[in-house]
Amino acid sequence: MKDEHFNELISSIKEAGKIKRGEKKAEKITTFSEPDVKAIRRDVGFSQSKFAALIGVNLRTLQNWEQGHRHPTGPARVLLRLVKSDPVSVFKQLHINDL
């Protein structure tokens, strides 16, 4: 790693610490809307069980997301956004030919 990149990283970490401790306000806050899991699934035309299997989650997990009891996080959230934007490409990359 180049010295300038390392120094920038250290500076960013120190700034994040100040923000977390309330010593400084964040300059930019990025928020992402909650994915509408039911709408995404319906748009691709899959049953709950098929969609859950295709994205690699338990059926009950999918049902909890759709009912609002739980919310997808991390990689699941990213995968749902990708499915929403381009389901054919996503499922193709997952080696699924059931479309």
N, C-alpha and C. Protein backbone atom coordinates (compact mmCIF):
# COMPACT_ATOMS: atom_id res chain seq x y z
N MET A 1 0.85 -1.17 0.00
CA MET A 1 0.00 0.00 0.00
C MET A 1 0.90 1.24 0.00
N LYS A 2 0.56 2.18 -0.82
CA LYS A 2 1.34 3.41 -0.88
C LYS A 2 1.12 4.22 0.40
N ASP A 3 2.14 4.98 0.78
CA ASP A 3 2.07 5.77 2.01
C ASP A 3 0.88 6.72 2.00
N GLU A 4 0.62 7.34 0.87
CA GLU A 4 -0.48 8.31 0.81
C GLU A 4 -1.83 7.64 1.04
N HIS A 5 -2.00 6.42 0.52
CA HIS A 5 -3.24 5.69 0.73
C HIS A 5 -3.37 5.25 2.18
N PHE A 6 -2.25 4.81 2.75
CA PHE A 6 -2.26 4.39 4.15
C PHE A 6 -2.62 5.57 5.04
N ASN A 7 -2.00 6.72 4.80
CA ASN A 7 -2.27 7.91 5.61
C ASN A 7 -3.72 8.36 5.48
N GLU A 8 -4.28 8.24 4.28
CA GLU A 8 -5.68 8.58 4.06
C GLU A 8 -6.59 7.63 4.84
N LEU A 9 -6.24 6.36 4.83
CA LEU A 9 -7.01 5.37 5.58
C LEU A 9 -6.97 5.66 7.07
N ILE A 10 -5.81 5.94 7.61
CA ILE A 10 -5.67 6.26 9.04
C ILE A 10 -6.48 7.51 9.39
N SER A 11 -6.42 8.50 8.54
CA SER A 11 -7.19 9.73 8.75
C SER A 11 -8.69 9.45 8.78
N SER A 12 -9.13 8.59 7.88
CA SER A 12 -10.54 8.23 7.82
C SER A 12 -10.98 7.49 9.08
N ILE A 13 -10.12 6.60 9.57
CA ILE A 13 -10.44 5.84 10.78
C ILE A 13 -10.54 6.79 11.98
N LYS A 14 -9.62 7.72 12.07
CA LYS A 14 -9.66 8.70 13.17
C LYS A 14 -10.93 9.56 13.10
N GLU A 15 -11.29 9.95 11.89
CA GLU A 15 -12.50 10.74 11.70
C GLU A 15 -13.74 9.94 12.09
N ALA A 16 -13.77 8.67 11.72
CA ALA A 16 -14.90 7.81 12.08
C ALA A 16 -15.03 7.69 13.59
N GLY A 17 -13.91 7.61 14.29
CA GLY A 17 -13.92 7.56 15.76
C GLY A 17 -14.52 8.82 16.35
N LYS A 18 -14.16 9.97 15.81
CA LYS A 18 -14.71 11.25 16.29
C LYS A 18 -16.21 11.31 16.06
N ILE A 19 -16.66 10.83 14.91
CA ILE A 19 -18.09 10.83 14.60
C ILE A 19 -18.82 9.91 15.56
N LYS A 20 -18.27 8.74 15.80
CA LYS A 20 -18.91 7.77 16.70
C LYS A 20 -19.00 8.32 18.13
N ARG A 21 -17.98 9.03 18.57
CA ARG A 21 -17.98 9.60 19.92
C ARG A 21 -18.79 10.88 20.03
N GLY A 22 -19.30 11.36 18.91
CA GLY A 22 -20.10 12.58 18.91
C GLY A 22 -19.28 13.86 18.90
N GLU A 23 -18.01 13.75 18.63
CA GLU A 23 -17.12 14.92 18.60
C GLU A 23 -17.21 15.66 17.27
N LYS A 24 -17.75 15.00 16.27
CA LYS A 24 -17.85 15.59 14.93
C LYS A 24 -19.09 15.03 14.26
N LYS A 25 -19.71 15.86 13.42
CA LYS A 25 -20.86 15.38 12.65
C LYS A 25 -20.40 14.82 11.32
N ALA A 26 -21.08 13.78 10.89
CA ALA A 26 -20.75 13.19 9.59
C ALA A 26 -21.09 14.19 8.50
N GLU A 27 -20.22 14.28 7.51
CA GLU A 27 -20.45 15.21 6.41
C GLU A 27 -21.52 14.69 5.46
N LYS A 28 -21.61 13.37 5.34
CA LYS A 28 -22.56 12.79 4.42
C LYS A 28 -23.09 11.49 5.04
N ILE A 29 -24.38 11.34 5.02
CA ILE A 29 -24.99 10.11 5.51
C ILE A 29 -25.78 9.51 4.35
N THR A 30 -25.47 8.28 4.04
CA THR A 30 -26.15 7.59 2.95
C THR A 30 -27.11 6.57 3.54
N THR A 31 -28.35 6.65 3.13
CA THR A 31 -29.33 5.67 3.59
C THR A 31 -29.92 4.97 2.37
N PHE A 32 -30.31 3.74 2.58
CA PHE A 32 -30.90 2.95 1.51
C PHE A 32 -32.30 2.54 1.94
N SER A 33 -33.23 2.64 1.03
CA SER A 33 -34.59 2.27 1.36
C SER A 33 -34.69 0.76 1.58
N GLU A 34 -35.65 0.38 2.39
CA GLU A 34 -35.89 -1.03 2.67
C GLU A 34 -36.41 -1.71 1.42
N PRO A 35 -35.82 -2.83 1.01
CA PRO A 35 -36.32 -3.51 -0.19
C PRO A 35 -37.71 -4.09 0.05
N ASP A 36 -38.58 -3.97 -0.93
CA ASP A 36 -39.91 -4.57 -0.86
C ASP A 36 -39.79 -5.99 -1.39
N VAL A 37 -39.51 -6.90 -0.48
CA VAL A 37 -39.19 -8.28 -0.84
C VAL A 37 -40.34 -8.94 -1.59
N LYS A 38 -41.54 -8.72 -1.11
CA LYS A 38 -42.71 -9.35 -1.75
C LYS A 38 -42.85 -8.85 -3.19
N ALA A 39 -42.69 -7.56 -3.40
CA ALA A 39 -42.81 -7.00 -4.75
C ALA A 39 -41.72 -7.52 -5.67
N ILE A 40 -40.50 -7.63 -5.13
CA ILE A 40 -39.39 -8.15 -5.95
C ILE A 40 -39.70 -9.59 -6.37
N ARG A 41 -40.15 -10.40 -5.41
CA ARG A 41 -40.47 -11.80 -5.72
C ARG A 41 -41.60 -11.89 -6.74
N ARG A 42 -42.63 -11.10 -6.54
CA ARG A 42 -43.77 -11.13 -7.47
C ARG A 42 -43.34 -10.67 -8.87
N ASP A 43 -42.47 -9.68 -8.93
CA ASP A 43 -42.02 -9.17 -10.24
C ASP A 43 -41.30 -10.24 -11.04
N VAL A 44 -40.58 -11.13 -10.36
CA VAL A 44 -39.89 -12.20 -11.10
C VAL A 44 -40.80 -13.42 -11.29
N GLY A 45 -41.96 -13.40 -10.65
CA GLY A 45 -42.96 -14.43 -10.88
C GLY A 45 -42.71 -15.76 -10.20
N PHE A 46 -42.03 -15.74 -9.07
CA PHE A 46 -41.73 -16.99 -8.36
C PHE A 46 -42.58 -17.13 -7.11
N SER A 47 -42.83 -18.38 -6.74
CA SER A 47 -43.48 -18.67 -5.46
C SER A 47 -42.50 -18.35 -4.34
N GLN A 48 -43.01 -18.27 -3.13
CA GLN A 48 -42.11 -18.02 -2.00
C GLN A 48 -41.04 -19.09 -1.88
N SER A 49 -41.46 -20.35 -1.99
CA SER A 49 -40.49 -21.43 -1.80
C SER A 49 -39.41 -21.43 -2.89
N LYS A 50 -39.81 -21.18 -4.13
CA LYS A 50 -38.84 -21.16 -5.22
C LYS A 50 -37.89 -19.97 -5.08
N PHE A 51 -38.44 -18.81 -4.76
CA PHE A 51 -37.61 -17.61 -4.62
C PHE A 51 -36.62 -17.77 -3.47
N ALA A 52 -37.11 -18.30 -2.34
CA ALA A 52 -36.23 -18.52 -1.18
C ALA A 52 -35.08 -19.45 -1.56
N ALA A 53 -35.39 -20.53 -2.26
CA ALA A 53 -34.35 -21.46 -2.68
C ALA A 53 -33.35 -20.80 -3.63
N LEU A 54 -33.86 -19.99 -4.55
CA LEU A 54 -32.98 -19.35 -5.54
C LEU A 54 -32.02 -18.36 -4.92
N ILE A 55 -32.47 -17.63 -3.89
CA ILE A 55 -31.57 -16.65 -3.28
C ILE A 55 -30.85 -17.22 -2.07
N GLY A 56 -31.12 -18.49 -1.74
CA GLY A 56 -30.37 -19.17 -0.69
C GLY A 56 -30.77 -18.83 0.73
N VAL A 57 -32.05 -18.58 0.96
CA VAL A 57 -32.52 -18.33 2.32
C VAL A 57 -33.61 -19.32 2.68
N ASN A 58 -33.81 -19.49 3.95
CA ASN A 58 -34.86 -20.35 4.45
C ASN A 58 -36.22 -19.76 4.09
N LEU A 59 -37.19 -20.60 3.78
CA LEU A 59 -38.53 -20.13 3.43
C LEU A 59 -39.11 -19.25 4.52
N ARG A 60 -38.95 -19.65 5.77
CA ARG A 60 -39.49 -18.87 6.89
C ARG A 60 -38.84 -17.49 6.96
N THR A 61 -37.55 -17.42 6.64
CA THR A 61 -36.86 -16.12 6.61
C THR A 61 -37.51 -15.21 5.58
N LEU A 62 -37.75 -15.75 4.39
CA LEU A 62 -38.40 -14.97 3.33
C LEU A 62 -39.78 -14.50 3.78
N GLN A 63 -40.53 -15.39 4.40
CA GLN A 63 -41.87 -15.03 4.87
C GLN A 63 -41.79 -13.93 5.93
N ASN A 64 -40.82 -14.01 6.82
CA ASN A 64 -40.65 -12.95 7.84
C ASN A 64 -40.31 -11.61 7.20
N TRP A 65 -39.49 -11.64 6.15
CA TRP A 65 -39.17 -10.41 5.43
C TRP A 65 -40.43 -9.83 4.79
N GLU A 66 -41.17 -10.68 4.12
CA GLU A 66 -42.37 -10.21 3.41
C GLU A 66 -43.43 -9.68 4.37
N GLN A 67 -43.51 -10.24 5.55
CA GLN A 67 -44.50 -9.81 6.53
C GLN A 67 -44.01 -8.65 7.40
N GLY A 68 -42.75 -8.27 7.22
CA GLY A 68 -42.21 -7.14 7.98
C GLY A 68 -41.76 -7.47 9.38
N HIS A 69 -41.72 -8.76 9.74
CA HIS A 69 -41.26 -9.15 11.07
C HIS A 69 -39.74 -9.03 11.19
N ARG A 70 -39.08 -9.25 10.09
CA ARG A 70 -37.62 -9.14 10.00
C ARG A 70 -37.28 -8.38 8.73
N HIS A 71 -36.02 -7.96 8.64
CA HIS A 71 -35.57 -7.21 7.47
C HIS A 71 -34.26 -7.78 6.97
N PRO A 72 -34.13 -7.92 5.66
CA PRO A 72 -32.87 -8.43 5.11
C PRO A 72 -31.73 -7.46 5.40
N THR A 73 -30.56 -8.02 5.66
CA THR A 73 -29.39 -7.19 5.94
C THR A 73 -28.21 -7.71 5.11
N GLY A 74 -27.18 -6.93 5.07
CA GLY A 74 -25.92 -7.34 4.46
C GLY A 74 -26.06 -7.89 3.05
N PRO A 75 -25.45 -9.04 2.82
CA PRO A 75 -25.44 -9.62 1.47
C PRO A 75 -26.83 -9.91 0.93
N ALA A 76 -27.76 -10.30 1.79
CA ALA A 76 -29.12 -10.58 1.32
C ALA A 76 -29.76 -9.32 0.76
N ARG A 77 -29.53 -8.22 1.43
CA ARG A 77 -30.08 -6.94 0.98
C ARG A 77 -29.50 -6.55 -0.38
N VAL A 78 -28.21 -6.75 -0.53
CA VAL A 78 -27.55 -6.44 -1.81
C VAL A 78 -28.09 -7.35 -2.91
N LEU A 79 -28.22 -8.64 -2.62
CA LEU A 79 -28.73 -9.58 -3.61
C LEU A 79 -30.14 -9.20 -4.04
N LEU A 80 -30.97 -8.80 -3.10
CA LEU A 80 -32.34 -8.38 -3.45
C LEU A 80 -32.34 -7.15 -4.35
N ARG A 81 -31.46 -6.22 -4.09
CA ARG A 81 -31.37 -5.03 -4.95
C ARG A 81 -30.93 -5.42 -6.35
N LEU A 82 -30.01 -6.36 -6.45
CA LEU A 82 -29.56 -6.83 -7.76
C LEU A 82 -30.68 -7.56 -8.49
N VAL A 83 -31.40 -8.41 -7.78
CA VAL A 83 -32.52 -9.13 -8.39
C VAL A 83 -33.55 -8.13 -8.90
N LYS A 84 -33.82 -7.10 -8.11
CA LYS A 84 -34.80 -6.09 -8.52
C LYS A 84 -34.35 -5.39 -9.80
N SER A 85 -33.07 -5.08 -9.91
CA SER A 85 -32.60 -4.31 -11.06
C SER A 85 -32.40 -5.15 -12.31
N ASP A 86 -31.99 -6.41 -12.15
CA ASP A 86 -31.74 -7.24 -13.34
C ASP A 86 -31.83 -8.72 -12.98
N PRO A 87 -33.04 -9.22 -12.78
CA PRO A 87 -33.19 -10.61 -12.32
C PRO A 87 -32.60 -11.65 -13.27
N VAL A 88 -32.73 -11.45 -14.55
CA VAL A 88 -32.22 -12.45 -15.50
C VAL A 88 -30.71 -12.61 -15.34
N SER A 89 -30.00 -11.50 -15.28
CA SER A 89 -28.54 -11.58 -15.14
C SER A 89 -28.13 -12.20 -13.80
N VAL A 90 -28.83 -11.83 -12.75
CA VAL A 90 -28.49 -12.36 -11.43
C VAL A 90 -28.68 -13.87 -11.40
N PHE A 91 -29.84 -14.33 -11.85
CA PHE A 91 -30.09 -15.77 -11.82
C PHE A 91 -29.18 -16.51 -12.79
N LYS A 92 -28.82 -15.87 -13.88
CA LYS A 92 -27.88 -16.49 -14.81
C LYS A 92 -26.52 -16.66 -14.13
N GLN A 93 -26.09 -15.64 -13.40
CA GLN A 93 -24.81 -15.72 -12.70
C GLN A 93 -24.85 -16.75 -11.59
N LEU A 94 -26.02 -16.98 -11.04
CA LEU A 94 -26.17 -18.01 -10.01
C LEU A 94 -26.34 -19.40 -10.64
N HIS A 95 -26.23 -19.48 -11.95
CA HIS A 95 -26.33 -20.73 -12.71
C HIS A 95 -27.72 -21.34 -12.61
N ILE A 96 -28.71 -20.48 -12.67
CA ILE A 96 -30.08 -20.94 -12.59
C ILE A 96 -30.74 -20.70 -13.93
N ASN A 97 -31.27 -21.74 -14.52
CA ASN A 97 -31.86 -21.64 -15.84
C ASN A 97 -33.38 -21.82 -15.82
N ASP A 98 -33.99 -21.53 -14.68
CA ASP A 98 -35.43 -21.75 -14.54
C ASP A 98 -36.28 -20.55 -14.96
N LEU A 99 -35.66 -19.52 -15.49
CA LEU A 99 -36.47 -18.36 -15.91
C LEU A 99 -37.16 -18.72 -17.15
